[in-house]
Amino acid sequence: MDDIIRFVDREEDRLQNTGLLNLLGKKKLMIGAALATKPKILMLDEPTSALDRAVQVQMIELLRGLQVQHGLSYLFISHDLKVVRAMANRIIVMKQGKCDYHFVANDQDYNVSVIPLL
């Protein structure tokens, strides 16, 4: 539990002179709350949305670290295929609520079939 508190309560995630959490801090707070139940899998719905690229990289690094540290699996939902590619081992692309493509992240088919979607 101490590692979750350290993960969530970081000075750099606070807005200057207010003590309020910035957007990254708020997202981390929600992830920390979910980790308190010691799950095996977390569903992350757009965890990097509304973050600029530099902060997205920080979030991805944090999620990867938590994944290793806590033995987590993620169901990672995102419209940002670059972020998906950075996070995923297996990828399902959905279209109109149905599975349109299914890939292992390093498949060549992924590059050929998904690039038109970018």
Protein backbone atom coordinates (compact mmCIF):
# COMPACT_ATOMS: atom_id res chain seq x y z
CA MET A 1 0.00 0.00 0.00
CA ASP A 2 2.89 2.40 0.72
CA ASP A 3 4.09 2.11 -2.87
CA ILE A 4 0.62 3.05 -4.13
CA ILE A 5 0.56 6.12 -1.88
CA ARG A 6 4.02 7.14 -3.12
CA PHE A 7 2.83 6.59 -6.70
CA VAL A 8 -0.23 8.81 -6.24
CA ASP A 9 1.02 11.51 -3.88
CA ARG A 10 3.85 13.21 -5.76
CA GLU A 11 4.69 16.87 -5.49
CA GLU A 12 5.28 17.20 -9.25
CA ASP A 13 1.64 16.21 -9.87
CA ARG A 14 0.34 19.24 -7.99
CA LEU A 15 -0.49 22.59 -9.55
CA GLN A 16 1.83 25.31 -8.34
CA ASN A 17 0.69 27.22 -5.25
CA THR A 18 -2.64 25.40 -5.01
CA GLY A 19 -1.98 21.88 -3.78
CA LEU A 20 -4.57 20.65 -6.30
CA LEU A 21 -3.72 17.73 -8.56
CA ASN A 22 -2.98 18.31 -12.23
CA LEU A 23 -4.52 16.01 -14.87
CA LEU A 24 -1.73 13.43 -14.62
CA GLY A 25 -2.10 13.44 -10.84
CA LYS A 26 -5.86 12.86 -11.13
CA LYS A 27 -5.37 9.95 -13.53
CA LYS A 28 -2.74 8.46 -11.23
CA LEU A 29 -5.08 8.84 -8.26
CA MET A 30 -7.72 6.76 -10.04
CA ILE A 31 -5.18 4.09 -10.98
CA GLY A 32 -3.86 4.07 -7.41
CA ALA A 33 -7.37 3.59 -6.05
CA ALA A 34 -7.89 0.64 -8.40
CA LEU A 35 -4.55 -0.88 -7.34
CA ALA A 36 -5.59 -0.81 -3.69
CA THR A 37 -7.80 -3.85 -4.37
CA LYS A 38 -4.77 -5.79 -5.70
CA PRO A 39 -6.33 -6.73 -9.05
CA LYS A 40 -4.77 -9.05 -11.62
CA ILE A 41 -6.20 -7.03 -14.51
CA LEU A 42 -7.04 -3.35 -14.92
CA MET A 43 -9.24 -1.87 -17.61
CA LEU A 44 -7.73 1.45 -18.65
CA ASP A 45 -10.08 3.54 -20.78
CA GLU A 46 -8.13 6.34 -22.49
CA PRO A 47 -5.57 6.72 -19.66
CA THR A 48 -3.40 9.03 -21.75
CA SER A 49 -6.16 11.14 -23.31
CA ALA A 50 -5.89 14.93 -22.87
CA LEU A 51 -2.21 14.58 -21.97
CA ASP A 52 0.48 16.08 -24.18
CA ARG A 53 3.01 13.66 -25.72
CA ALA A 54 5.70 14.24 -23.06
CA VAL A 55 3.23 13.51 -20.25
CA GLN A 56 1.83 10.53 -22.18
CA VAL A 57 5.35 9.08 -22.18
CA GLN A 58 5.50 9.54 -18.39
CA MET A 59 2.15 7.79 -17.98
CA ILE A 60 3.18 4.89 -20.21
CA GLU A 61 6.41 4.46 -18.25
CA LEU A 62 4.46 4.51 -14.97
CA LEU A 63 1.95 1.96 -16.25
CA ARG A 64 4.71 -0.35 -17.46
CA GLY A 65 6.48 -0.10 -14.11
CA LEU A 66 3.28 -0.88 -12.22
CA GLN A 67 2.60 -3.78 -14.56
CA VAL A 68 5.95 -5.38 -13.73
CA GLN A 69 5.86 -4.51 -10.02
CA HIS A 70 2.32 -5.78 -9.41
CA GLY A 71 2.10 -8.51 -12.07
CA LEU A 72 -0.76 -6.72 -13.82
CA SER A 73 -2.45 -7.26 -17.14
CA TYR A 74 -4.18 -4.33 -18.81
CA LEU A 75 -7.20 -4.07 -21.04
CA PHE A 76 -6.07 -0.84 -22.64
CA ILE A 77 -8.69 1.13 -24.56
CA SER A 78 -7.55 4.02 -26.72
CA HIS A 79 -8.11 5.79 -30.02
CA ASP A 80 -4.42 6.74 -30.13
CA LEU A 81 -2.77 3.90 -32.02
CA LYS A 82 0.73 5.17 -31.24
CA VAL A 83 0.03 4.83 -27.53
CA VAL A 84 -1.60 1.43 -28.09
CA ARG A 85 1.45 0.24 -29.97
CA ALA A 86 3.69 1.42 -27.12
CA MET A 87 1.64 -0.49 -24.51
CA ALA A 88 0.18 -3.58 -26.13
CA ASN A 89 1.31 -7.14 -26.76
CA ARG A 90 -1.91 -8.01 -28.55
CA ILE A 91 -4.10 -5.52 -30.37
CA ILE A 92 -7.74 -5.66 -31.40
CA VAL A 93 -9.02 -2.89 -33.64
CA MET A 94 -12.78 -2.47 -33.40
CA LYS A 95 -15.05 -0.92 -35.97
CA GLN A 96 -18.76 -0.31 -35.31
CA GLY A 97 -18.58 -2.42 -32.16
CA LYS A 98 -17.06 -5.48 -33.82
CA CYS A 99 -13.52 -6.85 -33.96
CA ASP A 100 -12.12 -5.66 -37.29
CA TYR A 101 -8.45 -6.64 -36.89
CA HIS A 102 -6.51 -8.71 -34.37
CA PHE A 103 -2.70 -8.56 -34.20
CA VAL A 104 0.29 -9.47 -32.14
CA ALA A 105 2.00 -6.09 -31.66
CA ASN A 106 5.09 -6.95 -33.72
CA ASP A 107 3.24 -8.52 -36.66
CA GLN A 108 4.02 -7.10 -40.09
CA ASP A 109 0.27 -7.32 -40.82
CA TYR A 110 -0.27 -4.69 -38.14
CA ASN A 111 1.84 -2.20 -40.08
CA VAL A 112 0.14 -2.88 -43.39
CA SER A 113 -3.46 -3.01 -42.17
CA VAL A 114 -3.55 -0.36 -39.45
CA ILE A 115 -1.42 2.38 -41.00
CA PRO A 116 -4.37 3.57 -43.18
CA LEU A 117 -6.31 4.10 -39.95
CA LEU A 118 -3.70 6.55 -38.55
